[in-house]
Amino acid sequence: MSYFKYHVFVCTNKREEGACCACLGATNARTYLKKRCKELGIHGEGQVRINNAGCLDRCAQGPVMVIYPEETWYTYVDSEDLDEIITRHLQHGQIVERLKI
C-alpha cells in the first residue's frame, strides 16, 4: 500500500534558454496546489502529497505535472485548471481529459 493516495510532481525546472515550466509560473502553481490541498484537508499521509520536480522533459507541453499512481500527465494554464485537477482527480479520482497530455 502506498504512503500517499496521490503523489503530485510539479515541474519547477528553470532552463537558461528556451521554454521551461518555471518561466510559465510553475512555482506559483505548486504553492497554490499545496495550499488548496491543505485547506481542503486532503494533504498528508494517506492522502495527497505535492512535490517539486526537476525537469520532466516535456518542456514544449509545459507547464506540466504528473500524478501517481496513475501516471497521469497534465498541463495547465491558470488556477481554474488547477482547481479542476484538485476537485476531479485528487478528490474524486476522475482524470481531467481536457488537461491531459
Protein backbone atom coordinates (compact mmCIF):
# COMPACT_ATOMS: atom_id res chain seq x y z
CA MET A 1 0.00 0.00 0.00
CA SER A 2 1.28 3.43 -0.97
CA TYR A 3 2.11 6.01 1.69
CA PHE A 4 0.08 8.59 -0.27
CA LYS A 5 -3.10 8.05 -2.25
CA TYR A 6 -1.84 10.57 -4.82
CA HIS A 7 1.66 11.89 -5.32
CA VAL A 8 1.81 15.04 -7.47
CA PHE A 9 5.09 16.12 -9.06
CA VAL A 10 5.06 19.66 -10.44
CA CYS A 11 7.95 20.51 -12.76
CA THR A 12 9.50 23.74 -11.49
CA ASN A 13 12.68 23.46 -13.54
CA LYS A 14 14.34 26.67 -14.76
CA ARG A 15 16.29 26.50 -18.02
CA GLU A 16 18.80 29.11 -19.07
CA GLU A 17 17.48 29.08 -22.63
CA GLY A 18 14.18 28.17 -24.19
CA ALA A 19 10.81 27.32 -22.74
CA CYS A 20 10.63 25.97 -19.22
CA CYS A 21 7.98 25.31 -16.62
CA ALA A 22 9.47 27.82 -14.17
CA CYS A 23 9.08 30.59 -16.75
CA LEU A 24 5.41 29.66 -17.04
CA GLY A 25 4.59 30.10 -13.35
CA ALA A 26 5.11 26.53 -12.15
CA THR A 27 6.49 27.52 -8.75
CA ASN A 28 3.37 29.56 -8.01
CA ALA A 29 1.20 26.71 -9.27
CA ARG A 30 2.90 24.24 -6.94
CA THR A 31 2.45 26.62 -4.00
CA TYR A 32 -1.23 27.05 -4.92
CA LEU A 33 -1.82 23.30 -5.19
CA LYS A 34 -0.23 22.63 -1.82
CA LYS A 35 -2.14 25.44 -0.13
CA ARG A 36 -5.52 24.36 -1.57
CA CYS A 37 -4.96 20.71 -0.67
CA LYS A 38 -4.16 21.72 2.91
CA GLU A 39 -7.25 23.97 3.05
CA LEU A 40 -9.39 21.10 1.79
CA GLY A 41 -7.91 18.70 4.35
CA ILE A 42 -6.61 16.30 1.69
CA HIS A 43 -2.86 16.89 2.15
CA GLY A 44 -0.72 14.49 4.13
CA GLU A 45 -0.20 10.83 4.95
CA GLY A 46 -2.65 8.55 3.19
CA GLN A 47 -3.94 11.42 1.08
CA VAL A 48 -2.15 13.84 -1.28
CA ARG A 49 1.48 14.91 -1.44
CA ILE A 50 2.54 17.87 -3.63
CA ASN A 51 6.23 17.94 -4.63
CA ASN A 52 8.61 19.94 -6.78
CA ALA A 53 10.17 18.04 -9.63
CA GLY A 54 13.24 18.78 -11.66
CA CYS A 55 12.90 18.71 -15.41
CA LEU A 56 10.24 16.24 -16.52
CA ASP A 57 11.46 16.64 -20.11
CA ARG A 58 8.15 17.81 -21.57
CA CYS A 59 9.04 21.49 -21.86
CA ALA A 60 7.19 22.00 -25.15
CA GLN A 61 3.97 20.97 -23.40
CA GLY A 62 4.63 22.96 -20.25
CA PRO A 63 3.90 23.75 -17.63
CA VAL A 64 3.48 20.12 -16.64
CA MET A 65 2.78 17.89 -13.67
CA VAL A 66 2.40 14.15 -13.25
CA ILE A 67 0.18 12.40 -10.71
CA TYR A 68 0.94 8.93 -9.41
CA PRO A 69 -0.05 6.16 -9.06
CA GLU A 70 -1.99 6.57 -12.34
CA GLU A 71 0.98 8.19 -14.12
CA THR A 72 -1.33 10.90 -15.42
CA TRP A 73 0.38 13.86 -17.10
CA TYR A 74 -1.29 17.27 -17.12
CA THR A 75 -0.66 20.73 -18.42
CA TYR A 76 -2.48 23.77 -17.03
CA VAL A 77 -2.94 27.47 -17.67
CA ASP A 78 -4.36 29.01 -14.52
CA SER A 79 -5.76 28.38 -11.04
CA GLU A 80 -9.10 27.32 -12.55
CA ASP A 81 -7.31 24.43 -14.28
CA LEU A 82 -5.52 23.57 -11.03
CA ASP A 83 -8.82 23.65 -9.11
CA GLU A 84 -10.34 21.29 -11.66
CA ILE A 85 -7.43 18.86 -11.21
CA ILE A 86 -7.81 19.06 -7.43
CA THR A 87 -11.58 18.55 -7.47
CA ARG A 88 -11.91 15.95 -10.16
CA HIS A 89 -8.68 13.96 -9.88
CA LEU A 90 -7.44 14.36 -6.32
CA GLN A 91 -10.83 14.40 -4.62
CA HIS A 92 -12.93 12.21 -6.93
CA GLY A 93 -10.41 10.04 -8.79
CA GLN A 94 -11.50 11.23 -12.25
CA ILE A 95 -8.97 12.00 -14.97
CA VAL A 96 -9.33 15.54 -16.40
CA GLU A 97 -9.16 14.60 -20.07
CA ARG A 98 -9.04 18.17 -21.41
CA LEU A 99 -5.80 18.89 -19.50
CA LYS A 100 -4.16 15.51 -20.03
CA ILE A 101 -1.02 15.30 -22.18
